[in-house]
PDB file of all heavy atoms in Angstrom:
ATOM      1  N   GLY A   1     176.470  51.468 170.510  1.00  0.00           N
ATOM      2  CA  GLY A   1     175.330  50.970 171.275  1.00  0.00           C
ATOM      3  C   GLY A   1     175.649  49.796 172.095  1.00  0.00           C
ATOM      4  O   GLY A   1     175.058  48.694 171.990  1.00  0.00           O
ATOM      5  N   ASN A   2     176.561  49.949 173.057  1.00  0.00           N
ATOM      6  CA  ASN A   2     177.007  48.801 173.847  1.00  0.00           C
ATOM      7  C   ASN A   2     176.570  48.975 175.328  1.00  0.00           C
ATOM      8  O   ASN A   2     176.019  50.000 175.709  1.00  0.00           O
ATOM      9  CB  ASN A   2     178.529  48.535 173.760  1.00  0.00           C
ATOM     10  CG  ASN A   2     179.323  49.699 174.183  1.00  0.00           C
ATOM     11  OD1 ASN A   2     178.819  50.741 174.776  1.00  0.00           O
ATOM     12  ND2 ASN A   2     180.575  49.788 173.937  1.00  0.00           N
ATOM     13  N   LEU A   3     176.881  47.972 176.211  1.00  0.00           N
ATOM     14  CA  LEU A   3     176.496  47.988 177.571  1.00  0.00           C
ATOM     15  C   LEU A   3     177.869  47.509 178.222  1.00  0.00           C
ATOM     16  O   LEU A   3     178.365  46.379 177.880  1.00  0.00           O
ATOM     17  CB  LEU A   3     175.321  46.987 177.916  1.00  0.00           C
ATOM     18  CG  LEU A   3     175.104  46.696 179.382  1.00  0.00           C
ATOM     19  CD1 LEU A   3     174.614  47.934 180.144  1.00  0.00           C
ATOM     20  CD2 LEU A   3     174.029  45.617 179.491  1.00  0.00           C
ATOM     21  N   VAL A   4     178.205  48.321 179.242  1.00  0.00           N
ATOM     22  CA  VAL A   4     179.463  47.875 179.985  1.00  0.00           C
ATOM     23  C   VAL A   4     179.031  47.951 181.527  1.00  0.00           C
ATOM     24  O   VAL A   4     178.566  48.862 181.924  1.00  0.00           O
ATOM     25  CB  VAL A   4     180.638  48.872 179.792  1.00  0.00           C
ATOM     26  CG1 VAL A   4     181.754  48.469 180.632  1.00  0.00           C
ATOM     27  CG2 VAL A   4     180.979  48.885 178.287  1.00  0.00           C
ATOM     28  N   ILE A   5     179.370  46.871 182.166  1.00  0.00           N
ATOM     29  CA  ILE A   5     179.183  46.727 183.605  1.00  0.00           C
ATOM     30  C   ILE A   5     180.505  46.570 184.314  1.00  0.00           C
ATOM     31  O   ILE A   5     181.133  45.558 184.106  1.00  0.00           O
ATOM     32  CB  ILE A   5     178.206  45.513 183.971  1.00  0.00           C
ATOM     33  CG1 ILE A   5     176.890  45.687 183.115  1.00  0.00           C
ATOM     34  CG2 ILE A   5     177.920  45.467 185.419  1.00  0.00           C
ATOM     35  CD1 ILE A   5     175.981  44.457 183.262  1.00  0.00           C
ATOM     36  N   SER A   6     180.911  47.475 185.102  1.00  0.00           N
ATOM     37  CA  SER A   6     182.311  47.471 185.654  1.00  0.00           C
ATOM     38  C   SER A   6     182.186  46.986 187.113  1.00  0.00           C
ATOM     39  O   SER A   6     181.379  47.466 187.917  1.00  0.00           O
ATOM     40  CB  SER A   6     182.784  48.793 185.547  1.00  0.00           C
ATOM     41  OG  SER A   6     182.958  49.247 184.200  1.00  0.00           O
ATOM     42  N   GLY A   7     183.094  46.090 187.505  1.00  0.00           N
ATOM     43  CA  GLY A   7     183.147  45.528 188.801  1.00  0.00           C
ATOM     44  C   GLY A   7     184.563  45.573 189.354  1.00  0.00           C
ATOM     45  O   GLY A   7     185.570  45.866 188.661  1.00  0.00           O
ATOM     46  N   THR A   8     184.681  45.096 190.619  1.00  0.00           N
ATOM     47  CA  THR A   8     186.010  45.170 191.335  1.00  0.00           C
ATOM     48  C   THR A   8     186.935  44.032 190.885  1.00  0.00           C
ATOM     49  O   THR A   8     188.054  44.045 191.132  1.00  0.00           O
ATOM     50  CB  THR A   8     185.832  45.099 192.789  1.00  0.00           C
ATOM     51  OG1 THR A   8     184.968  44.007 193.159  1.00  0.00           O
ATOM     52  CG2 THR A   8     185.115  46.316 193.367  1.00  0.00           C
ATOM     53  N   LYS A   9     186.431  42.986 190.224  1.00  0.00           N
ATOM     54  CA  LYS A   9     187.242  41.978 189.758  1.00  0.00           C
ATOM     55  C   LYS A   9     187.417  41.859 188.225  1.00  0.00           C
ATOM     56  O   LYS A   9     188.334  41.243 187.648  1.00  0.00           O
ATOM     57  CB  LYS A   9     186.720  40.599 190.157  1.00  0.00           C
ATOM     58  CG  LYS A   9     186.645  40.416 191.733  1.00  0.00           C
ATOM     59  CD  LYS A   9     186.091  39.076 192.139  1.00  0.00           C
ATOM     60  CE  LYS A   9     186.109  38.900 193.600  1.00  0.00           C
ATOM     61  NZ  LYS A   9     185.411  37.541 194.022  1.00  0.00           N
ATOM     62  N   GLY A  10     186.485  42.545 187.486  1.00  0.00           N
ATOM     63  CA  GLY A  10     186.509  42.549 186.031  1.00  0.00           C
ATOM     64  C   GLY A  10     185.319  43.262 185.519  1.00  0.00           C
ATOM     65  O   GLY A  10     184.620  44.036 186.293  1.00  0.00           O
ATOM     66  N   TYR A  11     184.981  43.159 184.247  1.00  0.00           N
ATOM     67  CA  TYR A  11     183.821  43.813 183.754  1.00  0.00           C
ATOM     68  C   TYR A  11     183.198  42.968 182.640  1.00  0.00           C
ATOM     69  O   TYR A  11     183.733  42.028 182.085  1.00  0.00           O
ATOM     70  CB  TYR A  11     184.227  45.205 183.124  1.00  0.00           C
ATOM     71  CG  TYR A  11     185.047  45.116 181.868  1.00  0.00           C
ATOM     72  CD1 TYR A  11     184.387  45.387 180.637  1.00  0.00           C
ATOM     73  CD2 TYR A  11     186.399  45.020 181.943  1.00  0.00           C
ATOM     74  CE1 TYR A  11     185.116  45.368 179.363  1.00  0.00           C
ATOM     75  CE2 TYR A  11     187.162  44.977 180.707  1.00  0.00           C
ATOM     76  CZ  TYR A  11     186.526  45.211 179.520  1.00  0.00           C
ATOM     77  OH  TYR A  11     187.273  45.249 178.332  1.00  0.00           O
ATOM     78  N   VAL A  12     181.831  43.320 182.387  1.00  0.00           N
ATOM     79  CA  VAL A  12     181.123  42.659 181.323  1.00  0.00           C
ATOM     80  C   VAL A  12     180.919  43.605 180.128  1.00  0.00           C
ATOM     81  O   VAL A  12     180.569  44.782 180.377  1.00  0.00           O
ATOM     82  CB  VAL A  12     179.792  42.223 181.822  1.00  0.00           C
ATOM     83  CG1 VAL A  12     178.849  41.665 180.715  1.00  0.00           C
ATOM     84  CG2 VAL A  12     179.844  41.139 182.888  1.00  0.00           C
ATOM     85  N   TYR A  13     181.249  43.107 178.920  1.00  0.00           N
ATOM     86  CA  TYR A  13     181.031  43.909 177.798  1.00  0.00           C
ATOM     87  C   TYR A  13     180.055  43.223 176.931  1.00  0.00           C
ATOM     88  O   TYR A  13     180.190  42.111 176.541  1.00  0.00           O
ATOM     89  CB  TYR A  13     182.379  44.026 176.995  1.00  0.00           C
ATOM     90  CG  TYR A  13     182.161  44.699 175.613  1.00  0.00           C
ATOM     91  CD1 TYR A  13     182.033  46.041 175.528  1.00  0.00           C
ATOM     92  CD2 TYR A  13     182.329  43.924 174.466  1.00  0.00           C
ATOM     93  CE1 TYR A  13     181.960  46.661 174.239  1.00  0.00           C
ATOM     94  CE2 TYR A  13     182.188  44.520 173.153  1.00  0.00           C
ATOM     95  CZ  TYR A  13     181.981  45.863 173.061  1.00  0.00           C
ATOM     96  OH  TYR A  13     181.820  46.457 171.935  1.00  0.00           O
ATOM     97  N   VAL A  14     178.959  43.937 176.615  1.00  0.00           N
ATOM     98  CA  VAL A  14     177.868  43.473 175.649  1.00  0.00           C
ATOM     99  C   VAL A  14     177.919  44.355 174.446  1.00  0.00           C
ATOM    100  O   VAL A  14     177.673  45.507 174.503  1.00  0.00           O
ATOM    101  CB  VAL A  14     176.482  43.562 176.342  1.00  0.00           C
ATOM    102  CG1 VAL A  14     175.422  42.847 175.512  1.00  0.00           C
ATOM    103  CG2 VAL A  14     176.478  43.044 177.721  1.00  0.00           C
ATOM    104  N   PRO A  15     178.277  43.867 173.363  1.00  0.00           N
ATOM    105  CA  PRO A  15     178.542  44.613 172.108  1.00  0.00           C
ATOM    106  C   PRO A  15     177.215  45.119 171.561  1.00  0.00           C
ATOM    107  O   PRO A  15     176.122  44.663 171.791  1.00  0.00           O
ATOM    108  CB  PRO A  15     179.163  43.677 171.106  1.00  0.00           C
ATOM    109  CG  PRO A  15     178.714  42.252 171.613  1.00  0.00           C
ATOM    110  CD  PRO A  15     178.642  42.395 173.077  1.00  0.00           C
ATOM    111  N   ALA A  16     177.268  46.121 170.648  1.00  0.00           N
ATOM    112  CA  ALA A  16     176.111  46.750 170.063  1.00  0.00           C
ATOM    113  C   ALA A  16     175.545  45.732 168.989  1.00  0.00           C
ATOM    114  O   ALA A  16     176.326  44.949 168.400  1.00  0.00           O
ATOM    115  CB  ALA A  16     176.564  48.040 169.285  1.00  0.00           C
ATOM    116  N   PRO A  17     174.293  45.682 168.825  1.00  0.00           N
ATOM    117  CA  PRO A  17     173.266  46.308 169.734  1.00  0.00           C
ATOM    118  C   PRO A  17     172.979  45.521 170.915  1.00  0.00           C
ATOM    119  O   PRO A  17     172.494  44.461 170.804  1.00  0.00           O
ATOM    120  CB  PRO A  17     172.080  46.521 168.799  1.00  0.00           C
ATOM    121  CG  PRO A  17     172.185  45.281 167.935  1.00  0.00           C
ATOM    122  CD  PRO A  17     173.580  45.015 167.741  1.00  0.00           C
ATOM    123  N   TRP A  18     173.351  45.994 172.081  1.00  0.00           N
ATOM    124  CA  TRP A  18     173.376  45.155 173.330  1.00  0.00           C
ATOM    125  C   TRP A  18     171.969  44.705 173.683  1.00  0.00           C
ATOM    126  O   TRP A  18     171.783  43.644 174.293  1.00  0.00           O
ATOM    127  CB  TRP A  18     173.893  45.965 174.489  1.00  0.00           C
ATOM    128  CG  TRP A  18     173.071  47.133 174.963  1.00  0.00           C
ATOM    129  CD1 TRP A  18     173.204  48.402 174.607  1.00  0.00           C
ATOM    130  CD2 TRP A  18     172.026  46.962 175.950  1.00  0.00           C
ATOM    131  NE1 TRP A  18     172.256  49.095 175.339  1.00  0.00           N
ATOM    132  CE2 TRP A  18     171.507  48.324 176.061  1.00  0.00           C
ATOM    133  CE3 TRP A  18     171.430  45.953 176.698  1.00  0.00           C
ATOM    134  CZ2 TRP A  18     170.443  48.537 176.934  1.00  0.00           C
ATOM    135  CZ3 TRP A  18     170.391  46.187 177.409  1.00  0.00           C
ATOM    136  CH2 TRP A  18     169.881  47.542 177.674  1.00  0.00           C
ATOM    137  N   TRP A  19     170.959  45.473 173.241  1.00  0.00           N
ATOM    138  CA  TRP A  19     169.498  45.140 173.758  1.00  0.00           C
ATOM    139  C   TRP A  19     168.966  44.020 172.913  1.00  0.00           C
ATOM    140  O   TRP A  19     167.923  43.437 173.310  1.00  0.00           O
ATOM    141  CB  TRP A  19     168.615  46.342 173.512  1.00  0.00           C
ATOM    142  CG  TRP A  19     168.691  46.924 172.096  1.00  0.00           C
ATOM    143  CD1 TRP A  19     167.858  46.619 171.075  1.00  0.00           C
ATOM    144  CD2 TRP A  19     169.512  47.910 171.658  1.00  0.00           C
ATOM    145  NE1 TRP A  19     168.218  47.308 169.964  1.00  0.00           N
ATOM    146  CE2 TRP A  19     169.208  48.179 170.239  1.00  0.00           C
ATOM    147  CE3 TRP A  19     170.599  48.664 172.182  1.00  0.00           C
ATOM    148  CZ2 TRP A  19     169.947  49.063 169.440  1.00  0.00           C
ATOM    149  CZ3 TRP A  19     171.261  49.572 171.453  1.00  0.00           C
ATOM    150  CH2 TRP A  19     170.918  49.867 170.138  1.00  0.00           C
ATOM    151  N   LYS A  20     169.640  43.424 171.937  1.00  0.00           N
ATOM    152  CA  LYS A  20     169.278  42.236 171.210  1.00  0.00           C
ATOM    153  C   LYS A  20     170.466  41.329 170.916  1.00  0.00           C
ATOM    154  O   LYS A  20     170.496  40.715 169.850  1.00  0.00           O
ATOM    155  CB  LYS A  20     168.471  42.579 170.017  1.00  0.00           C
ATOM    156  CG  LYS A  20     169.119  43.407 168.928  1.00  0.00           C
ATOM    157  CD  LYS A  20     168.291  43.634 167.722  1.00  0.00           C
ATOM    158  CE  LYS A  20     168.955  44.321 166.635  1.00  0.00           C
ATOM    159  NZ  LYS A  20     168.112  44.502 165.424  1.00  0.00           N
ATOM    160  N   THR A  21     171.351  41.212 171.920  1.00  0.00           N
ATOM    161  CA  THR A  21     172.605  40.517 171.667  1.00  0.00           C
ATOM    162  C   THR A  21     172.241  39.027 171.817  1.00  0.00           C
ATOM    163  O   THR A  21     171.323  38.576 172.598  1.00  0.00           O
ATOM    164  CB  THR A  21     173.735  40.937 172.625  1.00  0.00           C
ATOM    165  OG1 THR A  21     174.889  40.371 172.334  1.00  0.00           O
ATOM    166  CG2 THR A  21     173.260  40.577 174.048  1.00  0.00           C
ATOM    167  N   ASP A  22     173.180  38.191 171.231  1.00  0.00           N
ATOM    168  CA  ASP A  22     173.106  36.737 171.464  1.00  0.00           C
ATOM    169  C   ASP A  22     174.343  36.354 172.259  1.00  0.00           C
ATOM    170  O   ASP A  22     174.655  35.086 172.465  1.00  0.00           O
ATOM    171  CB  ASP A  22     172.914  35.925 170.186  1.00  0.00           C
ATOM    172  CG  ASP A  22     174.107  36.343 169.101  1.00  0.00           C
ATOM    173  OD1 ASP A  22     175.016  37.130 169.485  1.00  0.00           O
ATOM    174  OD2 ASP A  22     174.003  35.747 168.037  1.00  0.00           O
ATOM    175  N   TYR A  23     175.208  37.279 172.634  1.00  0.00           N
ATOM    176  CA  TYR A  23     176.343  36.865 173.414  1.00  0.00           C
ATOM    177  C   TYR A  23     177.001  38.090 174.135  1.00  0.00           C
ATOM    178  O   TYR A  23     176.696  39.262 173.790  1.00  0.00           O
ATOM    179  CB  TYR A  23     177.536  36.272 172.528  1.00  0.00           C
ATOM    180  CG  TYR A  23     178.441  37.257 171.850  1.00  0.00           C
ATOM    181  CD1 TYR A  23     179.683  37.542 172.412  1.00  0.00           C
ATOM    182  CD2 TYR A  23     178.166  38.045 170.684  1.00  0.00           C
ATOM    183  CE1 TYR A  23     180.551  38.478 171.920  1.00  0.00           C
ATOM    184  CE2 TYR A  23     179.034  38.831 170.173  1.00  0.00           C
ATOM    185  CZ  TYR A  23     180.200  39.167 170.767  1.00  0.00           C
ATOM    186  OH  TYR A  23     181.096  39.979 170.156  1.00  0.00           O
ATOM    187  N   PHE A  24     177.709  37.838 175.183  1.00  0.00           N
ATOM    188  CA  PHE A  24     178.473  38.919 175.944  1.00  0.00           C
ATOM    189  C   PHE A  24     179.666  38.292 176.398  1.00  0.00           C
ATOM    190  O   PHE A  24     179.995  37.070 176.348  1.00  0.00           O
ATOM    191  CB  PHE A  24     177.588  39.462 177.100  1.00  0.00           C
ATOM    192  CG  PHE A  24     177.177  38.376 178.111  1.00  0.00           C
ATOM    193  CD1 PHE A  24     177.925  37.949 179.128  1.00  0.00           C
ATOM    194  CD2 PHE A  24     175.857  37.896 178.026  1.00  0.00           C
ATOM    195  CE1 PHE A  24     177.533  37.033 179.957  1.00  0.00           C
ATOM    196  CE2 PHE A  24     175.432  36.938 178.884  1.00  0.00           C
ATOM    197  CZ  PHE A  24     176.251  36.533 179.939  1.00  0.00           C
ATOM    198  N   GLU A  25     180.615  39.193 176.842  1.00  0.00           N
ATOM    199  CA  GLU A  25     181.929  38.742 177.339  1.00  0.00           C
ATOM    200  C   GLU A  25     182.173  39.194 178.711  1.00  0.00           C
ATOM    201  O   GLU A  25     181.886  40.294 179.132  1.00  0.00           O
ATOM    202  CB  GLU A  25     183.065  39.410 176.429  1.00  0.00           C
ATOM    203  CG  GLU A  25     182.894  38.961 174.976  1.00  0.00           C
ATOM    204  CD  GLU A  25     184.028  39.634 174.046  1.00  0.00           C
ATOM    205  OE1 GLU A  25     185.025  39.930 174.579  1.00  0.00           O
ATOM    206  OE2 GLU A  25     183.681  39.921 172.864  1.00  0.00           O
ATOM    207  N   VAL A  26     182.831  38.326 179.502  1.00  0.00           N
ATOM    208  CA  VAL A  26     183.326  38.638 180.777  1.00  0.00           C
ATOM    209  C   VAL A  26     184.822  38.765 180.683  1.00  0.00           C
ATOM    210  O   VAL A  26     185.511  37.916 180.242  1.00  0.00           O
ATOM    211  CB  VAL A  26     182.987  37.638 181.841  1.00  0.00           C
ATOM    212  CG1 VAL A  26     183.543  38.027 183.236  1.00  0.00           C
ATOM    213  CG2 VAL A  26     181.446  37.455 181.973  1.00  0.00           C
ATOM    214  N   ARG A  27     185.303  39.979 181.044  1.00  0.00           N
ATOM    215  CA  ARG A  27     186.735  40.303 180.856  1.00  0.00           C
ATOM    216  C   ARG A  27     187.464  40.616 182.157  1.00  0.00           C
ATOM    217  O   ARG A  27     186.779  41.255 183.034  1.00  0.00           O
ATOM    218  CB  ARG A  27     186.901  41.460 179.890  1.00  0.00           C
ATOM    219  CG  ARG A  27     186.343  41.236 178.443  1.00  0.00           C
ATOM    220  CD  ARG A  27     186.412  42.402 177.600  1.00  0.00           C
ATOM    221  NE  ARG A  27     186.067  42.218 176.230  1.00  0.00           N
ATOM    222  CZ  ARG A  27     185.913  43.086 175.308  1.00  0.00           C
ATOM    223  NH1 ARG A  27     186.294  44.358 175.436  1.00  0.00           N
ATOM    224  NH2 ARG A  27     185.568  42.737 174.009  1.00  0.00           N
ATOM    225  N   TYR A  28     188.672  40.242 182.252  1.00  0.00           N
ATOM    226  CA  TYR A  28     189.461  40.395 183.412  1.00  0.00           C
ATOM    227  C   TYR A  28     190.873  41.044 183.081  1.00  0.00           C
ATOM    228  O   TYR A  28     191.176  41.202 181.886  1.00  0.00           O
ATOM    229  CB  TYR A  28     189.766  39.016 184.151  1.00  0.00           C
ATOM    230  CG  TYR A  28     188.484  38.442 184.618  1.00  0.00           C
ATOM    231  CD1 TYR A  28     187.847  37.362 183.836  1.00  0.00           C
ATOM    232  CD2 TYR A  28     187.877  38.683 185.759  1.00  0.00           C
ATOM    233  CE1 TYR A  28     186.708  36.680 184.167  1.00  0.00           C
ATOM    234  CE2 TYR A  28     186.664  38.085 186.167  1.00  0.00           C
ATOM    235  CZ  TYR A  28     186.033  37.122 185.390  1.00  0.00           C
ATOM    236  OH  TYR A  28     184.901  36.552 185.771  1.00  0.00           O
ATOM    237  N   GLU A  29     191.563  41.405 184.109  1.00  0.00           N
ATOM    238  CA  GLU A  29     192.986  41.966 183.970  1.00  0.00           C
ATOM    239  C   GLU A  29     193.749  40.948 183.216  1.00  0.00           C
ATOM    240  O   GLU A  29     194.563  41.311 182.370  1.00  0.00           O
ATOM    241  CB  GLU A  29     193.540  42.345 185.313  1.00  0.00           C
ATOM    242  CG  GLU A  29     194.884  43.088 185.145  1.00  0.00           C
ATOM    243  CD  GLU A  29     194.711  44.584 184.739  1.00  0.00           C
ATOM    244  OE1 GLU A  29     193.544  45.049 184.788  1.00  0.00           O
ATOM    245  OE2 GLU A  29     195.677  45.062 184.196  1.00  0.00           O
ATOM    246  N   ASP A  30     193.647  39.718 183.688  1.00  0.00           N
ATOM    247  CA  ASP A  30     194.333  38.593 183.018  1.00  0.00           C
ATOM    248  C   ASP A  30     193.517  38.084 181.836  1.00  0.00           C
ATOM    249  O   ASP A  30     192.475  37.459 182.086  1.00  0.00           O
ATOM    250  CB  ASP A  30     194.654  37.375 183.992  1.00  0.00           C
ATOM    251  CG  ASP A  30     195.325  36.253 183.331  1.00  0.00           C
ATOM    252  OD1 ASP A  30     195.609  36.292 182.085  1.00  0.00           O
ATOM    253  OD2 ASP A  30     195.585  35.226 184.003  1.00  0.00           O
ATOM    254  N   GLN A  31     193.810  38.515 180.614  1.00  0.00           N
ATOM    255  CA  GLN A  31     192.982  38.159 179.540  1.00  0.00           C
ATOM    256  C   GLN A  31     192.831  36.620 179.223  1.00  0.00           C
ATOM    257  O   GLN A  31     191.822  36.233 178.567  1.00  0.00           O
ATOM    258  CB  GLN A  31     193.523  38.842 178.220  1.00  0.00           C
ATOM    259  CG  GLN A  31     193.537  40.308 178.248  1.00  0.00           C
ATOM    260  CD  GLN A  31     194.027  40.921 177.012  1.00  0.00           C
ATOM    261  OE1 GLN A  31     194.177  40.330 176.003  1.00  0.00           O
ATOM    262  NE2 GLN A  31     194.289  42.264 177.031  1.00  0.00           N
ATOM    263  N   ASN A  32     193.620  35.818 179.815  1.00  0.00           N
ATOM    264  CA  ASN A  32     193.511  34.398 179.680  1.00  0.00           C
ATOM    265  C   ASN A  32     192.237  33.918 180.424  1.00  0.00           C
ATOM    266  O   ASN A  32     191.824  32.765 180.113  1.00  0.00           O
ATOM    267  CB  ASN A  32     194.778  33.671 180.197  1.00  0.00           C
ATOM    268  CG  ASN A  32     195.980  33.962 179.370  1.00  0.00           C
ATOM    269  OD1 ASN A  32     195.947  33.967 178.153  1.00  0.00           O
ATOM    270  ND2 ASN A  32     197.119  34.148 180.024  1.00  0.00           N
ATOM    271  N   GLN A  33     191.710  34.623 181.294  1.00  0.00           N
ATOM    272  CA  GLN A  33     190.509  34.324 182.041  1.00  0.00           C
ATOM    273  C   GLN A  33     189.274  34.768 181.459  1.00  0.00           C
ATOM    274  O   GLN A  33     188.155  34.443 181.839  1.00  0.00           O
ATOM    275  CB  GLN A  33     190.619  34.809 183.477  1.00  0.00           C
ATOM    276  CG  GLN A  33     191.754  34.260 184.313  1.00  0.00           C
ATOM    277  CD  GLN A  33     191.699  34.844 185.733  1.00  0.00           C
ATOM    278  OE1 GLN A  33     190.675  35.283 186.238  1.00  0.00           O
ATOM    279  NE2 GLN A  33     192.872  34.895 186.334  1.00  0.00           N
ATOM    280  N   ASN A  34     189.352  35.587 180.335  1.00  0.00           N
ATOM    281  CA  ASN A  34     188.209  36.050 179.707  1.00  0.00           C
ATOM    282  C   ASN A  34     187.250  34.908 179.082  1.00  0.00           C
ATOM    283  O   ASN A  34     187.853  33.870 178.729  1.00  0.00           O
ATOM    284  CB  ASN A  34     188.549  37.008 178.495  1.00  0.00           C
ATOM    285  CG  ASN A  34     189.172  38.239 178.958  1.00  0.00           C
ATOM    286  OD1 ASN A  34     189.358  38.498 180.204  1.00  0.00           O
ATOM    287  ND2 ASN A  34     189.615  39.040 178.049  1.00  0.00           N
ATOM    288  N   LYS A  35     185.985  35.119 179.159  1.00  0.00           N
ATOM    289  CA  LYS A  35     185.077  34.126 178.571  1.00  0.00           C
ATOM    290  C   LYS A  35     183.959  34.764 177.821  1.00  0.00           C
ATOM    291  O   LYS A  35     183.401  35.815 178.249  1.00  0.00           O
ATOM    292  CB  LYS A  35     184.590  33.279 179.838  1.00  0.00           C
ATOM    293  CG  LYS A  35     183.741  32.180 179.383  1.00  0.00           C
ATOM    294  CD  LYS A  35     183.368  31.210 180.518  1.00  0.00           C
ATOM    295  CE  LYS A  35     182.557  29.958 180.063  1.00  0.00           C
ATOM    296  NZ  LYS A  35     182.238  29.073 181.179  1.00  0.00           N
ATOM    297  N   LYS A  36     183.460  34.098 176.744  1.00  0.00           N
ATOM    298  CA  LYS A  36     182.303  34.635 175.993  1.00  0.00           C
ATOM    299  C   LYS A  36     181.245  33.647 176.292  1.00  0.00           C
ATOM    300  O   LYS A  36     181.426  32.444 176.420  1.00  0.00           O
ATOM    301  CB  LYS A  36     182.673  34.629 174.454  1.00  0.00           C
ATOM    302  CG  LYS A  36     183.768  35.579 174.140  1.00  0.00           C
ATOM    303  CD  LYS A  36     183.990  35.657 172.692  1.00  0.00           C
ATOM    304  CE  LYS A  36     185.032  36.666 172.190  1.00  0.00           C
ATOM    305  NZ  LYS A  36     185.204  36.710 170.772  1.00  0.00           N
ATOM    306  N   TYR A  37     179.989  34.198 176.260  1.00  0.00           N
ATOM    307  CA  TYR A  37     178.796  33.430 176.533  1.00  0.00           C
ATOM    308  C   TYR A  37     177.833  33.604 175.416  1.00  0.00           C
ATOM    309  O   TYR A  37     177.614  34.813 175.005  1.00  0.00           O
ATOM    310  CB  TYR A  37     178.143  33.799 177.824  1.00  0.00           C
ATOM    311  CG  TYR A  37     178.920  33.623 179.066  1.00  0.00           C
ATOM    312  CD1 TYR A  37     179.964  34.411 179.553  1.00  0.00           C
ATOM    313  CD2 TYR A  37     178.686  32.544 179.906  1.00  0.00           C
ATOM    314  CE1 TYR A  37     180.689  34.123 180.692  1.00  0.00           C
ATOM    315  CE2 TYR A  37     179.357  32.210 181.024  1.00  0.00           C
ATOM    316  CZ  TYR A  37     180.414  32.998 181.378  1.00  0.00           C
ATOM    317  OH  TYR A  37     181.157  32.677 182.531  1.00  0.00           O
ATOM    318  N   PHE A  38     177.352  32.600 174.783  1.00  0.00           N
ATOM    319  CA  PHE A  38     176.481  32.611 173.602  1.00  0.00           C
ATOM    320  C   PHE A  38     175.116  32.096 173.986  1.00  0.00           C
ATOM    321  O   PHE A  38     174.985  31.095 174.592  1.00  0.00           O
ATOM    322  CB  PHE A  38     176.986  31.787 172.488  1.00  0.00           C
ATOM    323  CG  PHE A  38     178.317  32.408 171.971  1.00  0.00           C
ATOM    324  CD1 PHE A  38     179.573  32.090 172.528  1.00  0.00           C
ATOM    325  CD2 PHE A  38     178.367  33.371 170.822  1.00  0.00           C
ATOM    326  CE1 PHE A  38     180.811  32.599 172.022  1.00  0.00           C
ATOM    327  CE2 PHE A  38     179.477  33.881 170.414  1.00  0.00           C
ATOM    328  CZ  PHE A  38     180.700  33.437 170.968  1.00  0.00           C
ATOM    329  N   TYR A  39     174.038  32.806 173.539  1.00  0.00           N
ATOM    330  CA  TYR A  39     172.671  32.340 173.840  1.00  0.00           C
ATOM    331  C   TYR A  39     171.839  32.642 172.578  1.00  0.00           C
ATOM    332  O   TYR A  39     172.182  33.457 171.690  1.00  0.00           O
ATOM    333  CB  TYR A  39     172.132  33.170 174.944  1.00  0.00           C
ATOM    334  CG  TYR A  39     172.865  33.000 176.254  1.00  0.00           C
ATOM    335  CD1 TYR A  39     173.873  33.793 176.707  1.00  0.00           C
ATOM    336  CD2 TYR A  39     172.516  31.883 177.098  1.00  0.00           C
ATOM    337  CE1 TYR A  39     174.584  33.620 177.835  1.00  0.00           C
ATOM    338  CE2 TYR A  39     173.216  31.696 178.258  1.00  0.00           C
ATOM    339  CZ  TYR A  39     174.195  32.513 178.663  1.00  0.00           C
ATOM    340  OH  TYR A  39     174.976  32.382 179.749  1.00  0.00           O
ATOM    341  N   PRO A  40     170.777  31.952 172.447  1.00  0.00           N
ATOM    342  CA  PRO A  40     169.819  32.111 171.271  1.00  0.00           C
ATOM    343  C   PRO A  40     169.175  33.509 171.269  1.00  0.00           C
ATOM    344  O   PRO A  40     168.811  34.054 172.290  1.00  0.00           O
ATOM    345  CB  PRO A  40     168.844  31.002 171.397  1.00  0.00           C
ATOM    346  CG  PRO A  40     168.751  30.742 172.830  1.00  0.00           C
ATOM    347  CD  PRO A  40     170.195  30.932 173.340  1.00  0.00           C
ATOM    348  N   TYR A  41     168.999  34.055 170.114  1.00  0.00           N
ATOM    349  CA  TYR A  41     168.170  35.242 169.920  1.00  0.00           C
ATOM    350  C   TYR A  41     167.575  35.009 168.548  1.00  0.00           C
ATOM    351  O   TYR A  41     168.060  35.328 167.460  1.00  0.00           O
ATOM    352  CB  TYR A  41     168.999  36.563 169.866  1.00  0.00           C
ATOM    353  CG  TYR A  41     168.127  37.839 169.794  1.00  0.00           C
ATOM    354  CD1 TYR A  41     167.757  38.472 170.906  1.00  0.00           C
ATOM    355  CD2 TYR A  41     167.788  38.315 168.530  1.00  0.00           C
ATOM    356  CE1 TYR A  41     166.941  39.622 170.845  1.00  0.00           C
ATOM    357  CE2 TYR A  41     167.016  39.411 168.449  1.00  0.00           C
ATOM    358  CZ  TYR A  41     166.609  40.083 169.597  1.00  0.00           C
ATOM    359  OH  TYR A  41     165.840  41.239 169.477  1.00  0.00           O
ATOM    360  N   VAL A  42     166.302  34.409 168.572  1.00  0.00           N
ATOM    361  CA  VAL A  42     165.610  33.893 167.398  1.00  0.00           C
ATOM    362  C   VAL A  42     164.754  34.939 166.819  1.00  0.00           C
ATOM    363  O   VAL A  42     164.044  35.655 167.563  1.00  0.00           O
ATOM    364  CB  VAL A  42     164.869  32.599 167.631  1.00  0.00           C
ATOM    365  CG1 VAL A  42     164.317  32.041 166.315  1.00  0.00           C
ATOM    366  CG2 VAL A  42     165.812  31.645 168.355  1.00  0.00           C
ATOM    367  N   GLY A  43     164.712  35.107 165.441  1.00  0.00           N
ATOM    368  CA  GLY A  43     163.864  36.046 164.810  1.00  0.00           C
ATOM    369  C   GLY A  43     164.016  37.412 165.239  1.00  0.00           C
ATOM    370  O   GLY A  43     165.217  37.958 165.376  1.00  0.00           O
ATOM    371  N   ASP A  44     162.973  38.154 165.491  1.00  0.00           N
ATOM    372  CA  ASP A  44     163.072  39.609 165.924  1.00  0.00           C
ATOM    373  C   ASP A  44     163.147  39.692 167.475  1.00  0.00           C
ATOM    374  O   ASP A  44     163.147  40.833 168.073  1.00  0.00           O
ATOM    375  CB  ASP A  44     161.931  40.406 165.461  1.00  0.00           C
ATOM    376  CG  ASP A  44     162.031  40.715 163.951  1.00  0.00           C
ATOM    377  OD1 ASP A  44     163.127  41.114 163.516  1.00  0.00           O
ATOM    378  OD2 ASP A  44     160.983  40.590 163.277  1.00  0.00           O
TER     379      ASP A  44
END
């Protein structure tokens, strides 16, 4: 149950269950540039 958004420079991976995630990752060919983003998802 994930979400993947593919682009010409990299892609975004939102892990399962993506519809109530509290973080996602931006990934590139050079893995050193990858970044994770964290946000609140409180309660339900």
